[in-house]
PDB file of all heavy atoms in Angstrom:
ATOM      1  N   GLN A   1       2.282  46.887  16.470  1.00  0.00           N
ATOM      2  CA  GLN A   1       2.223  46.414  15.005  1.00  0.00           C
ATOM      3  C   GLN A   1       3.660  46.155  14.438  1.00  0.00           C
ATOM      4  O   GLN A   1       3.830  45.157  13.805  1.00  0.00           O
ATOM      5  CB  GLN A   1       1.519  47.526  14.207  1.00  0.00           C
ATOM      6  CG  GLN A   1       1.315  47.141  12.715  1.00  0.00           C
ATOM      7  CD  GLN A   1       0.583  48.267  11.992  1.00  0.00           C
ATOM      8  OE1 GLN A   1       0.455  49.409  12.483  1.00  0.00           O
ATOM      9  NE2 GLN A   1       0.032  47.879  10.819  1.00  0.00           N
ATOM     10  N   ARG A   2       4.567  46.979  14.891  1.00  0.00           N
ATOM     11  CA  ARG A   2       5.935  46.794  14.418  1.00  0.00           C
ATOM     12  C   ARG A   2       6.572  45.467  14.954  1.00  0.00           C
ATOM     13  O   ARG A   2       7.201  44.755  14.238  1.00  0.00           O
ATOM     14  CB  ARG A   2       6.861  47.993  14.849  1.00  0.00           C
ATOM     15  CG  ARG A   2       8.315  47.864  14.269  1.00  0.00           C
ATOM     16  CD  ARG A   2       9.093  49.057  14.652  1.00  0.00           C
ATOM     17  NE  ARG A   2       9.321  49.242  16.027  1.00  0.00           N
ATOM     18  CZ  ARG A   2       8.694  50.112  16.771  1.00  0.00           C
ATOM     19  NH1 ARG A   2       7.819  50.953  16.206  1.00  0.00           N
ATOM     20  NH2 ARG A   2       8.902  50.267  18.068  1.00  0.00           N
ATOM     21  N   LEU A   3       6.394  45.198  16.258  1.00  0.00           N
ATOM     22  CA  LEU A   3       6.862  44.047  16.858  1.00  0.00           C
ATOM     23  C   LEU A   3       6.196  42.771  16.216  1.00  0.00           C
ATOM     24  O   LEU A   3       6.967  41.783  15.996  1.00  0.00           O
ATOM     25  CB  LEU A   3       6.645  44.010  18.329  1.00  0.00           C
ATOM     26  CG  LEU A   3       7.592  44.943  19.117  1.00  0.00           C
ATOM     27  CD1 LEU A   3       7.133  45.055  20.593  1.00  0.00           C
ATOM     28  CD2 LEU A   3       9.017  44.396  19.027  1.00  0.00           C
ATOM     29  N   ARG A   4       4.931  42.826  16.015  1.00  0.00           N
ATOM     30  CA  ARG A   4       4.223  41.751  15.354  1.00  0.00           C
ATOM     31  C   ARG A   4       4.753  41.428  13.948  1.00  0.00           C
ATOM     32  O   ARG A   4       4.937  40.285  13.536  1.00  0.00           O
ATOM     33  CB  ARG A   4       2.771  41.985  15.395  1.00  0.00           C
ATOM     34  CG  ARG A   4       1.891  40.720  14.834  1.00  0.00           C
ATOM     35  CD  ARG A   4       0.404  41.166  14.903  1.00  0.00           C
ATOM     36  NE  ARG A   4       0.003  41.320  16.199  1.00  0.00           N
ATOM     37  CZ  ARG A   4      -0.338  40.301  17.040  1.00  0.00           C
ATOM     38  NH1 ARG A   4      -0.372  39.116  16.555  1.00  0.00           N
ATOM     39  NH2 ARG A   4      -0.793  40.490  18.234  1.00  0.00           N
ATOM     40  N   GLN A   5       5.025  42.593  13.212  1.00  0.00           N
ATOM     41  CA  GLN A   5       5.415  42.430  11.831  1.00  0.00           C
ATOM     42  C   GLN A   5       6.916  41.743  11.838  1.00  0.00           C
ATOM     43  O   GLN A   5       7.212  40.926  11.033  1.00  0.00           O
ATOM     44  CB  GLN A   5       5.433  43.712  11.215  1.00  0.00           C
ATOM     45  CG  GLN A   5       5.882  43.672   9.670  1.00  0.00           C
ATOM     46  CD  GLN A   5       5.782  45.068   9.018  1.00  0.00           C
ATOM     47  OE1 GLN A   5       5.413  46.018   9.606  1.00  0.00           O
ATOM     48  NE2 GLN A   5       6.171  45.128   7.791  1.00  0.00           N
ATOM     49  N   GLN A   6       7.740  42.303  12.740  1.00  0.00           N
ATOM     50  CA  GLN A   6       9.089  41.724  12.838  1.00  0.00           C
ATOM     51  C   GLN A   6       9.106  40.239  13.171  1.00  0.00           C
ATOM     52  O   GLN A   6       9.888  39.460  12.664  1.00  0.00           O
ATOM     53  CB  GLN A   6       9.862  42.556  13.821  1.00  0.00           C
ATOM     54  CG  GLN A   6      10.221  43.994  13.456  1.00  0.00           C
ATOM     55  CD  GLN A   6      10.866  44.725  14.513  1.00  0.00           C
ATOM     56  OE1 GLN A   6      11.003  44.306  15.736  1.00  0.00           O
ATOM     57  NE2 GLN A   6      11.378  45.972  14.198  1.00  0.00           N
ATOM     58  N   TYR A   7       8.212  39.859  14.090  1.00  0.00           N
ATOM     59  CA  TYR A   7       8.114  38.465  14.462  1.00  0.00           C
ATOM     60  C   TYR A   7       7.714  37.613  13.345  1.00  0.00           C
ATOM     61  O   TYR A   7       8.264  36.506  13.063  1.00  0.00           O
ATOM     62  CB  TYR A   7       7.138  38.314  15.622  1.00  0.00           C
ATOM     63  CG  TYR A   7       6.897  36.885  16.152  1.00  0.00           C
ATOM     64  CD1 TYR A   7       7.798  36.330  17.000  1.00  0.00           C
ATOM     65  CD2 TYR A   7       5.912  36.072  15.669  1.00  0.00           C
ATOM     66  CE1 TYR A   7       7.701  35.016  17.540  1.00  0.00           C
ATOM     67  CE2 TYR A   7       5.785  34.775  16.128  1.00  0.00           C
ATOM     68  CZ  TYR A   7       6.729  34.220  17.005  1.00  0.00           C
ATOM     69  OH  TYR A   7       6.533  32.963  17.425  1.00  0.00           O
ATOM     70  N   GLU A   8       6.644  38.044  12.545  1.00  0.00           N
ATOM     71  CA  GLU A   8       6.251  37.266  11.438  1.00  0.00           C
ATOM     72  C   GLU A   8       7.280  37.138  10.345  1.00  0.00           C
ATOM     73  O   GLU A   8       7.377  36.114   9.699  1.00  0.00           O
ATOM     74  CB  GLU A   8       4.943  37.937  10.865  1.00  0.00           C
ATOM     75  CG  GLU A   8       3.725  37.764  11.807  1.00  0.00           C
ATOM     76  CD  GLU A   8       2.565  38.624  11.280  1.00  0.00           C
ATOM     77  OE1 GLU A   8       2.709  39.356  10.311  1.00  0.00           O
ATOM     78  OE2 GLU A   8       1.457  38.465  11.866  1.00  0.00           O
ATOM     79  N   GLU A   9       7.996  38.226  10.143  1.00  0.00           N
ATOM     80  CA  GLU A   9       9.151  38.147   9.129  1.00  0.00           C
ATOM     81  C   GLU A   9      10.185  37.245   9.524  1.00  0.00           C
ATOM     82  O   GLU A   9      10.811  36.662   8.636  1.00  0.00           O
ATOM     83  CB  GLU A   9       9.687  39.574   9.028  1.00  0.00           C
ATOM     84  CG  GLU A   9       8.768  40.563   8.266  1.00  0.00           C
ATOM     85  CD  GLU A   9       9.287  42.020   8.226  1.00  0.00           C
ATOM     86  OE1 GLU A   9      10.367  42.215   8.918  1.00  0.00           O
ATOM     87  OE2 GLU A   9       8.765  42.789   7.601  1.00  0.00           O
ATOM     88  N   LEU A  10      10.398  37.016  10.790  1.00  0.00           N
ATOM     89  CA  LEU A  10      11.361  35.959  11.248  1.00  0.00           C
ATOM     90  C   LEU A  10      11.059  34.516  10.672  1.00  0.00           C
ATOM     91  O   LEU A  10      11.917  33.736  10.341  1.00  0.00           O
ATOM     92  CB  LEU A  10      11.517  35.906  12.738  1.00  0.00           C
ATOM     93  CG  LEU A  10      12.109  37.102  13.479  1.00  0.00           C
ATOM     94  CD1 LEU A  10      12.109  36.865  15.000  1.00  0.00           C
ATOM     95  CD2 LEU A  10      13.504  37.343  12.991  1.00  0.00           C
ATOM     96  N   TRP A  11       9.771  34.326  10.503  1.00  0.00           N
ATOM     97  CA  TRP A  11       9.308  32.996  10.090  1.00  0.00           C
ATOM     98  C   TRP A  11       8.998  32.987   8.581  1.00  0.00           C
ATOM     99  O   TRP A  11       9.304  31.989   7.875  1.00  0.00           O
ATOM    100  CB  TRP A  11       8.094  32.515  10.872  1.00  0.00           C
ATOM    101  CG  TRP A  11       8.367  32.380  12.312  1.00  0.00           C
ATOM    102  CD1 TRP A  11       8.072  33.239  13.294  1.00  0.00           C
ATOM    103  CD2 TRP A  11       9.099  31.271  12.963  1.00  0.00           C
ATOM    104  NE1 TRP A  11       8.602  32.767  14.538  1.00  0.00           N
ATOM    105  CE2 TRP A  11       9.229  31.620  14.317  1.00  0.00           C
ATOM    106  CE3 TRP A  11       9.742  30.193  12.448  1.00  0.00           C
ATOM    107  CZ2 TRP A  11       9.866  30.752  15.253  1.00  0.00           C
ATOM    108  CZ3 TRP A  11      10.432  29.286  13.339  1.00  0.00           C
ATOM    109  CH2 TRP A  11      10.448  29.637  14.685  1.00  0.00           C
ATOM    110  N   LEU A  12       8.504  34.091   8.080  1.00  0.00           N
ATOM    111  CA  LEU A  12       8.213  34.135   6.646  1.00  0.00           C
ATOM    112  C   LEU A  12       9.416  34.097   5.710  1.00  0.00           C
ATOM    113  O   LEU A  12       9.319  33.605   4.548  1.00  0.00           O
ATOM    114  CB  LEU A  12       7.420  35.445   6.304  1.00  0.00           C
ATOM    115  CG  LEU A  12       6.001  35.438   6.873  1.00  0.00           C
ATOM    116  CD1 LEU A  12       5.418  36.910   6.557  1.00  0.00           C
ATOM    117  CD2 LEU A  12       5.197  34.334   6.249  1.00  0.00           C
ATOM    118  N   SER A  13      10.557  34.466   6.279  1.00  0.00           N
ATOM    119  CA  SER A  13      11.861  34.366   5.516  1.00  0.00           C
ATOM    120  C   SER A  13      12.360  32.929   5.412  1.00  0.00           C
ATOM    121  O   SER A  13      13.362  32.785   4.648  1.00  0.00           O
ATOM    122  CB  SER A  13      12.907  35.251   6.228  1.00  0.00           C
ATOM    123  OG  SER A  13      13.132  34.772   7.535  1.00  0.00           O
ATOM    124  N   LEU A  14      11.763  31.989   5.951  1.00  0.00           N
ATOM    125  CA  LEU A  14      12.124  30.571   5.838  1.00  0.00           C
ATOM    126  C   LEU A  14      11.490  29.961   4.653  1.00  0.00           C
ATOM    127  O   LEU A  14      10.349  30.120   4.370  1.00  0.00           O
ATOM    128  CB  LEU A  14      11.900  29.782   7.017  1.00  0.00           C
ATOM    129  CG  LEU A  14      12.501  30.350   8.325  1.00  0.00           C
ATOM    130  CD1 LEU A  14      12.112  29.439   9.510  1.00  0.00           C
ATOM    131  CD2 LEU A  14      13.933  30.345   8.220  1.00  0.00           C
ATOM    132  N   SER A  15      12.289  29.246   3.815  1.00  0.00           N
ATOM    133  CA  SER A  15      11.743  28.586   2.563  1.00  0.00           C
ATOM    134  C   SER A  15      11.218  27.191   2.842  1.00  0.00           C
ATOM    135  O   SER A  15      11.697  26.608   3.811  1.00  0.00           O
ATOM    136  CB  SER A  15      12.728  28.573   1.383  1.00  0.00           C
ATOM    137  OG  SER A  15      13.922  27.892   1.879  1.00  0.00           O
ATOM    138  N   PRO A  16      10.259  26.700   2.036  1.00  0.00           N
ATOM    139  CA  PRO A  16       9.793  25.405   2.272  1.00  0.00           C
ATOM    140  C   PRO A  16      10.848  24.237   2.126  1.00  0.00           C
ATOM    141  O   PRO A  16      11.748  24.311   1.308  1.00  0.00           O
ATOM    142  CB  PRO A  16       8.556  25.172   1.237  1.00  0.00           C
ATOM    143  CG  PRO A  16       8.513  26.529   0.614  1.00  0.00           C
ATOM    144  CD  PRO A  16       9.751  27.413   0.879  1.00  0.00           C
ATOM    145  N   THR A  17      10.526  23.213   2.902  1.00  0.00           N
ATOM    146  CA  THR A  17      11.428  21.977   2.743  1.00  0.00           C
ATOM    147  C   THR A  17      10.594  20.956   1.782  1.00  0.00           C
ATOM    148  O   THR A  17       9.408  20.762   2.031  1.00  0.00           O
ATOM    149  CB  THR A  17      11.549  21.372   4.106  1.00  0.00           C
ATOM    150  OG1 THR A  17      12.446  22.261   4.817  1.00  0.00           O
ATOM    151  CG2 THR A  17      12.254  20.030   3.936  1.00  0.00           C
ATOM    152  N   GLU A  18      11.335  20.418   0.926  1.00  0.00           N
ATOM    153  CA  GLU A  18      10.685  19.424  -0.014  1.00  0.00           C
ATOM    154  C   GLU A  18      10.903  17.963   0.611  1.00  0.00           C
ATOM    155  O   GLU A  18      11.924  17.499   0.937  1.00  0.00           O
ATOM    156  CB  GLU A  18      11.422  19.467  -1.279  1.00  0.00           C
ATOM    157  CG  GLU A  18      11.290  20.723  -2.090  1.00  0.00           C
ATOM    158  CD  GLU A  18       9.864  21.023  -2.477  1.00  0.00           C
ATOM    159  OE1 GLU A  18       9.077  20.027  -2.594  1.00  0.00           O
ATOM    160  OE2 GLU A  18       9.570  22.275  -2.647  1.00  0.00           O
ATOM    161  N   THR A  19       9.700  17.376   0.980  1.00  0.00           N
ATOM    162  CA  THR A  19       9.787  16.053   1.591  1.00  0.00           C
ATOM    163  C   THR A  19       9.075  15.015   0.784  1.00  0.00           C
ATOM    164  O   THR A  19       8.830  13.883   1.165  1.00  0.00           O
ATOM    165  CB  THR A  19       8.989  16.116   2.952  1.00  0.00           C
ATOM    166  OG1 THR A  19       7.722  16.548   2.766  1.00  0.00           O
ATOM    167  CG2 THR A  19       9.809  17.084   3.849  1.00  0.00           C
ATOM    168  N   ALA A  20       8.647  15.354  -0.526  1.00  0.00           N
ATOM    169  CA  ALA A  20       7.905  14.451  -1.239  1.00  0.00           C
ATOM    170  C   ALA A  20       8.689  13.272  -1.730  1.00  0.00           C
ATOM    171  O   ALA A  20       8.182  12.171  -2.023  1.00  0.00           O
ATOM    172  CB  ALA A  20       7.370  15.149  -2.523  1.00  0.00           C
ATOM    173  N   ASP A  21      10.066  13.409  -1.845  1.00  0.00           N
ATOM    174  CA  ASP A  21      10.875  12.259  -2.280  1.00  0.00           C
ATOM    175  C   ASP A  21      11.300  11.270  -1.203  1.00  0.00           C
ATOM    176  O   ASP A  21      12.047  10.359  -1.455  1.00  0.00           O
ATOM    177  CB  ASP A  21      12.179  12.861  -2.933  1.00  0.00           C
ATOM    178  CG  ASP A  21      11.832  13.632  -4.170  1.00  0.00           C
ATOM    179  OD1 ASP A  21      10.808  13.409  -4.742  1.00  0.00           O
ATOM    180  OD2 ASP A  21      12.630  14.588  -4.511  1.00  0.00           O
ATOM    181  N   ILE A  22      10.770  11.470   0.044  1.00  0.00           N
ATOM    182  CA  ILE A  22      11.132  10.587   1.055  1.00  0.00           C
ATOM    183  C   ILE A  22      10.440   9.209   0.844  1.00  0.00           C
ATOM    184  O   ILE A  22       9.216   9.222   0.586  1.00  0.00           O
ATOM    185  CB  ILE A  22      10.743  11.069   2.514  1.00  0.00           C
ATOM    186  CG1 ILE A  22      11.565  12.408   2.702  1.00  0.00           C
ATOM    187  CG2 ILE A  22      11.038  10.103   3.545  1.00  0.00           C
ATOM    188  CD1 ILE A  22      11.145  13.009   4.052  1.00  0.00           C
ATOM    189  N   PRO A  23      11.174   8.032   0.839  1.00  0.00           N
ATOM    190  CA  PRO A  23      10.552   6.795   0.603  1.00  0.00           C
ATOM    191  C   PRO A  23       9.450   6.589   1.669  1.00  0.00           C
ATOM    192  O   PRO A  23       9.405   7.021   2.761  1.00  0.00           O
ATOM    193  CB  PRO A  23      11.669   5.864   0.751  1.00  0.00           C
ATOM    194  CG  PRO A  23      12.965   6.626   0.513  1.00  0.00           C
ATOM    195  CD  PRO A  23      12.600   8.004   1.018  1.00  0.00           C
ATOM    196  N   GLU A  24       8.532   5.739   1.279  1.00  0.00           N
ATOM    197  CA  GLU A  24       7.350   5.398   2.072  1.00  0.00           C
ATOM    198  C   GLU A  24       7.796   4.721   3.325  1.00  0.00           C
ATOM    199  O   GLU A  24       7.238   4.906   4.448  1.00  0.00           O
ATOM    200  CB  GLU A  24       6.303   4.496   1.311  1.00  0.00           C
ATOM    201  CG  GLU A  24       5.059   4.177   2.164  1.00  0.00           C
ATOM    202  CD  GLU A  24       4.308   5.391   2.570  1.00  0.00           C
ATOM    203  OE1 GLU A  24       4.330   6.384   1.726  1.00  0.00           O
ATOM    204  OE2 GLU A  24       3.663   5.288   3.572  1.00  0.00           O
ATOM    205  N   ALA A  25       8.794   3.893   3.223  1.00  0.00           N
ATOM    206  CA  ALA A  25       9.276   3.242   4.426  1.00  0.00           C
ATOM    207  C   ALA A  25       9.868   4.216   5.449  1.00  0.00           C
ATOM    208  O   ALA A  25       9.717   4.032   6.680  1.00  0.00           O
ATOM    209  CB  ALA A  25      10.524   2.244   4.050  1.00  0.00           C
ATOM    210  N   VAL A  26      10.481   5.287   4.926  1.00  0.00           N
ATOM    211  CA  VAL A  26      10.935   6.362   5.866  1.00  0.00           C
ATOM    212  C   VAL A  26       9.805   7.045   6.482  1.00  0.00           C
ATOM    213  O   VAL A  26       9.819   7.393   7.664  1.00  0.00           O
ATOM    214  CB  VAL A  26      11.941   7.254   5.189  1.00  0.00           C
ATOM    215  CG1 VAL A  26      12.429   8.291   6.112  1.00  0.00           C
ATOM    216  CG2 VAL A  26      13.096   6.496   4.602  1.00  0.00           C
ATOM    217  N   ARG A  27       8.723   7.328   5.771  1.00  0.00           N
ATOM    218  CA  ARG A  27       7.563   8.024   6.224  1.00  0.00           C
ATOM    219  C   ARG A  27       6.994   7.254   7.482  1.00  0.00           C
ATOM    220  O   ARG A  27       6.512   7.917   8.344  1.00  0.00           O
ATOM    221  CB  ARG A  27       6.549   8.202   5.172  1.00  0.00           C
ATOM    222  CG  ARG A  27       7.006   9.103   4.107  1.00  0.00           C
ATOM    223  CD  ARG A  27       5.818   9.341   3.032  1.00  0.00           C
ATOM    224  NE  ARG A  27       6.254  10.185   1.983  1.00  0.00           N
ATOM    225  CZ  ARG A  27       6.165  11.470   1.935  1.00  0.00           C
ATOM    226  NH1 ARG A  27       5.715  12.067   2.936  1.00  0.00           N
ATOM    227  NH2 ARG A  27       6.557  12.135   0.878  1.00  0.00           N
ATOM    228  N   ARG A  28       7.070   5.953   7.396  1.00  0.00           N
ATOM    229  CA  ARG A  28       6.582   5.196   8.550  1.00  0.00           C
ATOM    230  C   ARG A  28       7.303   5.378   9.754  1.00  0.00           C
ATOM    231  O   ARG A  28       6.877   5.049  10.881  1.00  0.00           O
ATOM    232  CB  ARG A  28       6.445   3.744   8.066  1.00  0.00           C
ATOM    233  CG  ARG A  28       5.504   3.384   6.974  1.00  0.00           C
ATOM    234  CD  ARG A  28       5.671   1.970   6.600  1.00  0.00           C
ATOM    235  NE  ARG A  28       5.431   1.046   7.710  1.00  0.00           N
ATOM    236  CZ  ARG A  28       5.659  -0.234   7.731  1.00  0.00           C
ATOM    237  NH1 ARG A  28       6.098  -0.790   6.605  1.00  0.00           N
ATOM    238  NH2 ARG A  28       5.390  -1.039   8.803  1.00  0.00           N
ATOM    239  N   MET A  29       8.592   5.856   9.631  1.00  0.00           N
ATOM    240  CA  MET A  29       9.460   6.083  10.823  1.00  0.00           C
ATOM    241  C   MET A  29       9.180   7.348  11.503  1.00  0.00           C
ATOM    242  O   MET A  29       9.830   7.723  12.556  1.00  0.00           O
ATOM    243  CB  MET A  29      10.881   5.928  10.443  1.00  0.00           C
ATOM    244  CG  MET A  29      11.263   4.626   9.792  1.00  0.00           C
ATOM    245  SD  MET A  29      13.037   4.612   9.202  1.00  0.00           S
ATOM    246  CE  MET A  29      13.009   3.309   8.063  1.00  0.00           C
ATOM    247  N   LEU A  30       8.414   8.210  10.828  1.00  0.00           N
ATOM    248  CA  LEU A  30       8.270   9.567  11.318  1.00  0.00           C
ATOM    249  C   LEU A  30       6.969   9.701  11.995  1.00  0.00           C
ATOM    250  O   LEU A  30       5.934   9.138  11.715  1.00  0.00           O
ATOM    251  CB  LEU A  30       8.245  10.649  10.158  1.00  0.00           C
ATOM    252  CG  LEU A  30       9.541  10.582   9.318  1.00  0.00           C
ATOM    253  CD1 LEU A  30       9.299  11.518   8.068  1.00  0.00           C
ATOM    254  CD2 LEU A  30      10.750  10.861  10.041  1.00  0.00           C
ATOM    255  N   ALA A  31       7.022  10.461  13.168  1.00  0.00           N
ATOM    256  CA  ALA A  31       5.729  10.652  14.002  1.00  0.00           C
ATOM    257  C   ALA A  31       4.842  11.634  13.278  1.00  0.00           C
ATOM    258  O   ALA A  31       5.277  12.663  12.716  1.00  0.00           O
ATOM    259  CB  ALA A  31       6.167  11.082  15.371  1.00  0.00           C
ATOM    260  N   SER A  32       3.512  11.374  13.377  1.00  0.00           N
ATOM    261  CA  SER A  32       2.620  12.328  12.874  1.00  0.00           C
ATOM    262  C   SER A  32       2.343  13.462  13.922  1.00  0.00           C
ATOM    263  O   SER A  32       2.906  13.345  14.990  1.00  0.00           O
ATOM    264  CB  SER A  32       1.298  11.605  12.522  1.00  0.00           C
ATOM    265  OG  SER A  32       0.838  11.056  13.777  1.00  0.00           O
ATOM    266  N   GLU A  33       1.647  14.473  13.533  1.00  0.00           N
ATOM    267  CA  GLU A  33       1.315  15.557  14.345  1.00  0.00           C
ATOM    268  C   GLU A  33       0.555  15.114  15.618  1.00  0.00           C
ATOM    269  O   GLU A  33      -0.426  14.441  15.435  1.00  0.00           O
ATOM    270  CB  GLU A  33       0.591  16.670  13.753  1.00  0.00           C
ATOM    271  CG  GLU A  33       1.403  17.380  12.651  1.00  0.00           C
ATOM    272  CD  GLU A  33       2.517  18.326  13.240  1.00  0.00           C
ATOM    273  OE1 GLU A  33       2.460  18.444  14.446  1.00  0.00           O
ATOM    274  OE2 GLU A  33       3.307  18.840  12.539  1.00  0.00           O
TER     275      GLU A  33
END
């Protein structure tokens, strides 16, 4: 349980990236999942 919690905390501590302002032309240059 401790190792799992520590692992999750490594990722939960990262804040979101704002990508809404990327122009549509640039979005076309990015690969989808």
